[in-house]
């Protein structure tokens, strides 16, 4: 049974390892879309030429693989965020040198660590909005 490529239906995209369904909807085919496509294919197949068993197994394997990769990516993102936060918390009370928005070196004590948009945000000597990537020295 001939079928058109998925890219013609959903746009030229590659499945992504996104953690949210809204990101999957805009960046690629997620597991829900894959399952709907598989069900539609099975519902609309020609009864005189049913889907080959090997093809069905291959599609189910692809679905399972996609789901596992998505789960691994989600856990990896959570782990990376926790690691970044842990590193930032370890800076509390330490004296750091960082580059401000003008590129000048500033020195101060890390007073507070908070999460802003999923990344650690430091308050150094009363100045908020310092990222760990701006830090050039820790004492």
N, C-alpha and C. Protein backbone atom coordinates (compact mmCIF):
# COMPACT_ATOMS: atom_id res chain seq x y z
N UNK A 1 0.84 -1.17 0.00
CA UNK A 1 0.00 0.00 0.00
C UNK A 1 0.89 1.23 0.00
N UNK A 2 0.71 2.11 -0.96
CA UNK A 2 1.51 3.31 -1.07
C UNK A 2 0.99 4.38 -0.12
N UNK A 3 1.90 5.12 0.46
CA UNK A 3 1.49 6.20 1.36
C UNK A 3 2.38 7.40 1.12
N UNK A 4 1.87 8.57 1.42
CA UNK A 4 2.66 9.79 1.25
C UNK A 4 3.55 9.98 2.46
N UNK A 5 4.71 10.63 2.27
CA UNK A 5 5.60 10.87 3.40
C UNK A 5 4.94 11.74 4.46
N UNK A 6 5.31 11.51 5.69
CA UNK A 6 4.77 12.26 6.81
C UNK A 6 5.13 13.73 6.69
N UNK A 7 6.31 14.04 6.17
CA UNK A 7 6.73 15.44 6.05
C UNK A 7 5.78 16.27 5.22
N UNK A 8 5.12 15.68 4.23
CA UNK A 8 4.17 16.44 3.41
C UNK A 8 2.94 16.82 4.21
N UNK A 9 2.58 16.04 5.21
CA UNK A 9 1.39 16.30 6.00
C UNK A 9 1.67 17.26 7.15
N UNK A 10 2.78 17.06 7.85
CA UNK A 10 3.08 17.82 9.06
C UNK A 10 4.17 18.87 8.87
N UNK A 11 4.74 18.99 7.70
CA UNK A 11 5.80 19.97 7.47
C UNK A 11 7.15 19.31 7.58
N UNK A 12 8.18 19.93 7.05
CA UNK A 12 9.52 19.34 7.07
C UNK A 12 10.14 19.46 8.45
N UNK A 13 9.96 18.44 9.25
CA UNK A 13 10.52 18.49 10.60
C UNK A 13 11.00 17.12 11.01
N UNK A 14 11.81 17.13 12.03
CA UNK A 14 12.36 15.91 12.59
C UNK A 14 11.83 15.78 14.00
N UNK A 15 11.52 14.56 14.46
CA UNK A 15 11.07 14.41 15.85
C UNK A 15 12.10 15.00 16.79
N UNK A 16 11.60 15.72 17.79
CA UNK A 16 12.50 16.34 18.76
C UNK A 16 12.36 15.66 20.11
N UNK A 17 13.34 15.90 20.95
CA UNK A 17 13.31 15.35 22.30
C UNK A 17 12.83 16.42 23.26
N UNK A 18 11.65 16.92 23.01
CA UNK A 18 11.10 17.97 23.85
C UNK A 18 10.35 17.38 25.03
N UNK A 19 10.29 18.17 26.10
CA UNK A 19 9.64 17.65 27.29
C UNK A 19 8.18 18.05 27.39
N UNK A 20 7.74 19.06 26.64
CA UNK A 20 6.35 19.46 26.75
C UNK A 20 5.63 19.20 25.44
N UNK A 21 4.35 18.92 25.53
CA UNK A 21 3.59 18.61 24.34
C UNK A 21 3.44 19.83 23.45
N UNK A 22 3.43 21.05 24.01
CA UNK A 22 3.33 22.25 23.18
C UNK A 22 4.58 22.42 22.34
N UNK A 23 5.75 22.11 22.89
CA UNK A 23 6.98 22.19 22.14
C UNK A 23 6.99 21.13 21.05
N UNK A 24 6.50 19.93 21.35
CA UNK A 24 6.45 18.88 20.36
C UNK A 24 5.54 19.27 19.21
N UNK A 25 4.44 19.92 19.50
CA UNK A 25 3.50 20.29 18.46
C UNK A 25 4.11 21.29 17.50
N UNK A 26 4.99 22.17 17.98
CA UNK A 26 5.58 23.17 17.11
C UNK A 26 6.88 22.72 16.49
N UNK A 27 7.61 21.80 17.11
CA UNK A 27 8.92 21.42 16.61
C UNK A 27 8.98 20.07 15.92
N UNK A 28 7.99 19.23 16.04
CA UNK A 28 8.07 17.93 15.41
C UNK A 28 6.94 17.03 15.82
N UNK A 29 7.05 15.79 15.39
CA UNK A 29 6.01 14.82 15.65
C UNK A 29 6.26 14.16 17.00
N UNK A 30 5.35 14.35 17.94
CA UNK A 30 5.46 13.74 19.25
C UNK A 30 4.81 12.38 19.26
N UNK A 31 4.83 11.73 20.43
CA UNK A 31 4.30 10.38 20.51
C UNK A 31 2.79 10.33 20.31
N UNK A 32 2.06 11.37 20.73
CA UNK A 32 0.61 11.39 20.51
C UNK A 32 0.28 11.46 19.02
N UNK A 33 1.00 12.32 18.30
CA UNK A 33 0.79 12.45 16.86
C UNK A 33 1.15 11.15 16.15
N UNK A 34 2.24 10.53 16.57
CA UNK A 34 2.67 9.27 15.97
C UNK A 34 1.59 8.20 16.15
N UNK A 35 1.02 8.11 17.36
CA UNK A 35 -0.01 7.11 17.62
C UNK A 35 -1.27 7.40 16.80
N UNK A 36 -1.67 8.66 16.69
CA UNK A 36 -2.84 9.02 15.90
C UNK A 36 -2.63 8.66 14.44
N UNK A 37 -1.43 8.91 13.94
CA UNK A 37 -1.10 8.57 12.56
C UNK A 37 -1.17 7.06 12.34
N UNK A 38 -0.66 6.30 13.28
CA UNK A 38 -0.69 4.84 13.18
C UNK A 38 -2.12 4.32 13.20
N UNK A 39 -2.97 4.86 14.08
CA UNK A 39 -4.37 4.44 14.15
C UNK A 39 -5.10 4.81 12.86
N UNK A 40 -4.83 6.00 12.33
CA UNK A 40 -5.46 6.41 11.08
C UNK A 40 -5.04 5.50 9.94
N UNK A 41 -3.79 5.13 9.91
CA UNK A 41 -3.29 4.22 8.87
C UNK A 41 -3.99 2.87 8.96
N UNK A 42 -4.14 2.35 10.16
CA UNK A 42 -4.80 1.05 10.34
C UNK A 42 -6.29 1.14 9.98
N UNK A 43 -6.93 2.25 10.32
CA UNK A 43 -8.36 2.42 10.04
C UNK A 43 -8.64 2.55 8.55
N UNK A 44 -7.70 3.10 7.81
CA UNK A 44 -7.92 3.39 6.40
C UNK A 44 -7.18 2.45 5.46
N UNK A 45 -6.69 1.35 5.97
CA UNK A 45 -5.96 0.45 5.09
C UNK A 45 -6.92 -0.31 4.17
N UNK A 46 -6.40 -0.72 3.08
CA UNK A 46 -7.16 -1.48 2.10
C UNK A 46 -7.35 -2.91 2.62
N UNK A 47 -8.60 -3.38 2.79
CA UNK A 47 -8.81 -4.73 3.32
C UNK A 47 -8.24 -5.82 2.41
N UNK A 48 -8.09 -5.50 1.15
CA UNK A 48 -7.54 -6.48 0.21
C UNK A 48 -6.01 -6.56 0.31
N UNK A 49 -5.38 -5.53 0.86
CA UNK A 49 -3.94 -5.49 1.03
C UNK A 49 -3.62 -4.99 2.44
N UNK A 50 -3.83 -5.81 3.46
CA UNK A 50 -3.59 -5.35 4.84
C UNK A 50 -2.10 -5.06 5.07
N UNK A 51 -1.85 -4.29 6.11
CA UNK A 51 -0.48 -3.94 6.48
C UNK A 51 0.32 -5.19 6.79
N UNK A 52 1.52 -5.22 6.28
CA UNK A 52 2.44 -6.33 6.51
C UNK A 52 2.81 -6.39 7.99
N UNK A 53 2.89 -7.61 8.56
CA UNK A 53 3.25 -7.78 9.97
C UNK A 53 4.59 -7.13 10.31
N UNK A 54 5.56 -7.31 9.42
CA UNK A 54 6.89 -6.74 9.67
C UNK A 54 6.83 -5.22 9.71
N UNK A 55 6.02 -4.64 8.83
CA UNK A 55 5.87 -3.19 8.81
C UNK A 55 5.22 -2.70 10.10
N UNK A 56 4.22 -3.44 10.58
CA UNK A 56 3.53 -3.06 11.82
C UNK A 56 4.49 -3.14 13.01
N UNK A 57 5.28 -4.19 13.07
CA UNK A 57 6.25 -4.34 14.15
C UNK A 57 7.28 -3.22 14.09
N UNK A 58 7.73 -2.87 12.89
CA UNK A 58 8.70 -1.79 12.74
C UNK A 58 8.10 -0.46 13.23
N UNK A 59 6.85 -0.20 12.91
CA UNK A 59 6.21 1.04 13.34
C UNK A 59 6.03 1.06 14.86
N UNK A 60 5.66 -0.04 15.46
CA UNK A 60 5.52 -0.09 16.91
C UNK A 60 6.87 0.07 17.60
N UNK A 61 7.92 -0.48 16.99
CA UNK A 61 9.27 -0.30 17.53
C UNK A 61 9.67 1.16 17.47
N UNK A 62 9.35 1.82 16.37
CA UNK A 62 9.65 3.25 16.24
C UNK A 62 8.91 4.04 17.31
N UNK A 63 7.66 3.70 17.54
CA UNK A 63 6.87 4.39 18.55
C UNK A 63 7.49 4.20 19.93
N UNK A 64 7.86 2.98 20.25
CA UNK A 64 8.46 2.68 21.55
C UNK A 64 9.79 3.42 21.71
N UNK A 65 10.59 3.44 20.66
CA UNK A 65 11.87 4.14 20.70
C UNK A 65 11.67 5.64 20.91
N UNK A 66 10.72 6.22 20.19
CA UNK A 66 10.42 7.64 20.34
C UNK A 66 10.02 7.96 21.77
N UNK A 67 9.17 7.12 22.36
CA UNK A 67 8.72 7.34 23.72
C UNK A 67 9.88 7.27 24.72
N UNK A 68 10.76 6.29 24.55
CA UNK A 68 11.89 6.14 25.46
C UNK A 68 12.89 7.29 25.32
N UNK A 69 13.13 7.74 24.10
CA UNK A 69 14.05 8.87 23.89
C UNK A 69 13.47 10.12 24.52
N UNK A 70 12.17 10.32 24.37
CA UNK A 70 11.51 11.48 24.98
C UNK A 70 11.64 11.42 26.50
N UNK A 71 11.43 10.26 27.08
CA UNK A 71 11.56 10.10 28.53
C UNK A 71 12.99 10.36 28.99
N UNK A 72 13.97 9.85 28.25
CA UNK A 72 15.37 10.06 28.60
C UNK A 72 15.73 11.54 28.51
N UNK A 73 15.25 12.23 27.48
CA UNK A 73 15.55 13.65 27.32
C UNK A 73 14.96 14.46 28.46
N UNK A 74 13.75 14.11 28.87
CA UNK A 74 13.10 14.80 29.98
C UNK A 74 13.91 14.63 31.26
N UNK A 75 14.31 13.41 31.55
CA UNK A 75 15.11 13.15 32.75
C UNK A 75 16.47 13.81 32.68
N UNK A 76 17.07 13.84 31.51
CA UNK A 76 18.37 14.48 31.33
C UNK A 76 18.27 15.99 31.59
N UNK A 77 17.20 16.60 31.10
CA UNK A 77 16.99 18.03 31.33
C UNK A 77 16.80 18.31 32.80
N UNK A 78 16.02 17.48 33.49
CA UNK A 78 15.81 17.66 34.93
C UNK A 78 17.13 17.53 35.68
N UNK A 79 17.93 16.56 35.30
CA UNK A 79 19.22 16.33 35.96
C UNK A 79 20.17 17.50 35.73
N UNK A 80 20.22 18.03 34.52
CA UNK A 80 21.09 19.16 34.22
C UNK A 80 20.68 20.39 35.01
N UNK A 81 19.38 20.63 35.12
CA UNK A 81 18.88 21.78 35.87
C UNK A 81 19.23 21.65 37.35
N UNK A 82 19.06 20.45 37.89
CA UNK A 82 19.39 20.21 39.30
C UNK A 82 20.89 20.40 39.54
N UNK A 83 21.70 19.96 38.61
CA UNK A 83 23.15 20.12 38.73
C UNK A 83 23.55 21.59 38.69
N UNK A 84 22.95 22.36 37.78
CA UNK A 84 23.25 23.79 37.70
C UNK A 84 22.85 24.50 39.00
N UNK A 85 21.70 24.15 39.53
CA UNK A 85 21.22 24.78 40.76
C UNK A 85 22.14 24.41 41.92
N UNK A 86 22.56 23.16 41.98
CA UNK A 86 23.45 22.71 43.05
C UNK A 86 24.78 23.47 43.00
N UNK A 87 25.32 23.65 41.81
CA UNK A 87 26.56 24.40 41.66
C UNK A 87 26.38 25.85 42.10
N UNK A 88 25.25 26.44 41.75
CA UNK A 88 24.98 27.83 42.13
C UNK A 88 24.81 27.96 43.64
N UNK A 89 24.12 27.02 44.26
CA UNK A 89 23.91 27.05 45.72
C UNK A 89 25.25 26.94 46.44
N UNK A 90 26.17 26.18 45.88
CA UNK A 90 27.50 26.05 46.49
C UNK A 90 28.27 27.36 46.49
N UNK A 91 27.82 28.34 45.71
CA UNK A 91 28.48 29.64 45.68
C UNK A 91 27.98 30.58 46.78
N UNK A 92 26.88 30.22 47.45
CA UNK A 92 26.34 31.08 48.51
C UNK A 92 27.41 31.38 49.56
N UNK A 93 27.56 32.68 49.88
CA UNK A 93 28.54 33.10 50.89
C UNK A 93 29.95 33.23 50.36
N UNK A 94 30.19 32.81 49.14
CA UNK A 94 31.53 32.89 48.54
C UNK A 94 31.71 34.23 47.85
N UNK A 95 32.94 34.69 47.78
CA UNK A 95 33.27 35.91 47.06
C UNK A 95 33.57 35.54 45.62
N UNK A 96 32.90 36.21 44.70
CA UNK A 96 33.08 35.92 43.28
C UNK A 96 33.41 37.20 42.52
N UNK A 97 34.09 37.02 41.41
CA UNK A 97 34.32 38.11 40.46
C UNK A 97 33.55 37.74 39.21
N UNK A 98 32.83 38.72 38.68
CA UNK A 98 32.02 38.47 37.48
C UNK A 98 32.09 39.67 36.55
N UNK A 99 31.71 39.45 35.31
CA UNK A 99 31.66 40.53 34.33
C UNK A 99 30.23 41.04 34.28
N UNK A 100 30.07 42.36 34.50
CA UNK A 100 28.73 42.94 34.44
C UNK A 100 28.30 43.11 32.98
N UNK A 101 27.13 43.70 32.77
CA UNK A 101 26.59 43.83 31.41
C UNK A 101 27.46 44.72 30.52
N UNK A 102 28.27 45.60 31.13
CA UNK A 102 29.17 46.46 30.36
C UNK A 102 30.53 45.82 30.13
N UNK A 103 30.74 44.62 30.68
CA UNK A 103 32.01 43.93 30.52
C UNK A 103 33.03 44.29 31.58
N UNK A 104 32.63 45.04 32.60
CA UNK A 104 33.53 45.42 33.69
C UNK A 104 33.54 44.34 34.77
N UNK A 105 34.72 44.14 35.37
CA UNK A 105 34.82 43.17 36.46
C UNK A 105 34.23 43.75 37.74
N UNK A 106 33.40 42.95 38.39
CA UNK A 106 32.79 43.32 39.67
C UNK A 106 33.09 42.19 40.65
N UNK A 107 33.24 42.52 41.91
CA UNK A 107 33.50 41.52 42.94
C UNK A 107 32.50 41.71 44.07
N UNK A 108 32.01 40.59 44.59
CA UNK A 108 31.07 40.64 45.70
C UNK A 108 30.77 39.26 46.23
N UNK A 109 29.99 39.23 47.30
CA UNK A 109 29.61 37.97 47.93
C UNK A 109 28.25 37.53 47.41
N UNK A 110 28.13 36.25 47.10
CA UNK A 110 26.85 35.71 46.63
C UNK A 110 25.89 35.66 47.81
N UNK A 111 24.82 36.47 47.72
CA UNK A 111 23.84 36.58 48.80
C UNK A 111 22.65 35.65 48.63
N UNK A 112 22.28 35.41 47.37
CA UNK A 112 21.04 34.67 47.11
C UNK A 112 21.14 33.96 45.77
N UNK A 113 20.44 32.81 45.69
CA UNK A 113 20.33 32.06 44.44
C UNK A 113 18.86 31.79 44.20
N UNK A 114 18.40 32.08 43.00
CA UNK A 114 17.01 31.80 42.64
C UNK A 114 16.96 31.22 41.22
N UNK A 115 15.83 30.64 40.87
CA UNK A 115 15.64 30.11 39.52
C UNK A 115 14.85 31.11 38.70
N UNK A 116 15.37 31.48 37.54
CA UNK A 116 14.68 32.37 36.62
C UNK A 116 14.72 31.72 35.24
N UNK A 117 13.55 31.42 34.70
CA UNK A 117 13.45 30.76 33.40
C UNK A 117 14.25 29.46 33.34
N UNK A 118 14.24 28.71 34.43
CA UNK A 118 14.90 27.41 34.47
C UNK A 118 16.40 27.45 34.65
N UNK A 119 16.96 28.62 34.94
CA UNK A 119 18.41 28.74 35.13
C UNK A 119 18.68 29.47 36.44
N UNK A 120 19.81 29.14 37.10
CA UNK A 120 20.15 29.82 38.35
C UNK A 120 20.45 31.30 38.12
N UNK A 121 19.96 32.11 39.02
CA UNK A 121 20.15 33.55 38.98
C UNK A 121 20.75 33.95 40.34
N UNK A 122 21.90 34.61 40.33
CA UNK A 122 22.59 34.97 41.56
C UNK A 122 22.39 36.44 41.91
N UNK A 123 22.36 36.71 43.21
CA UNK A 123 22.42 38.08 43.71
C UNK A 123 23.79 38.21 44.36
N UNK A 124 24.61 39.10 43.80
CA UNK A 124 25.98 39.28 44.28
C UNK A 124 26.14 40.70 44.79
N UNK A 125 26.39 40.82 46.08
CA UNK A 125 26.57 42.14 46.69
C UNK A 125 25.38 43.06 46.45
N UNK A 126 24.19 42.49 46.42
CA UNK A 126 22.97 43.27 46.22
C UNK A 126 22.56 43.44 44.77
N UNK A 127 23.44 43.07 43.83
CA UNK A 127 23.10 43.15 42.40
C UNK A 127 22.47 41.84 41.95
N UNK A 128 21.26 41.93 41.43
CA UNK A 128 20.50 40.75 41.00
C UNK A 128 20.72 40.50 39.51
N UNK A 129 20.46 39.28 39.10
CA UNK A 129 20.50 38.96 37.67
C UNK A 129 21.83 38.49 37.16
N UNK A 130 22.70 38.05 38.04
CA UNK A 130 24.02 37.55 37.63
C UNK A 130 23.88 36.05 37.33
N UNK A 131 24.32 35.64 36.14
CA UNK A 131 24.28 34.22 35.79
C UNK A 131 25.63 33.59 36.10
N UNK A 132 25.64 32.29 36.25
CA UNK A 132 26.89 31.59 36.56
C UNK A 132 27.89 31.72 35.42
N UNK A 133 27.42 31.93 34.20
CA UNK A 133 28.34 32.06 33.06
C UNK A 133 29.10 33.39 33.10
N UNK A 134 28.63 34.37 33.88
CA UNK A 134 29.31 35.65 34.00
C UNK A 134 30.45 35.59 35.01
N UNK A 135 30.49 34.57 35.85
CA UNK A 135 31.49 34.47 36.91
C UNK A 135 32.84 34.07 36.31
N UNK A 136 33.87 34.83 36.68
CA UNK A 136 35.22 34.55 36.19
C UNK A 136 36.15 34.03 37.27
N UNK A 137 35.77 34.25 38.53
CA UNK A 137 36.64 33.80 39.63
C UNK A 137 35.80 33.56 40.89
N UNK A 138 36.17 32.53 41.63
CA UNK A 138 35.51 32.22 42.92
C UNK A 138 36.60 32.13 43.97
N UNK A 139 36.36 32.82 45.11
CA UNK A 139 37.34 32.76 46.22
C UNK A 139 36.67 32.22 47.45
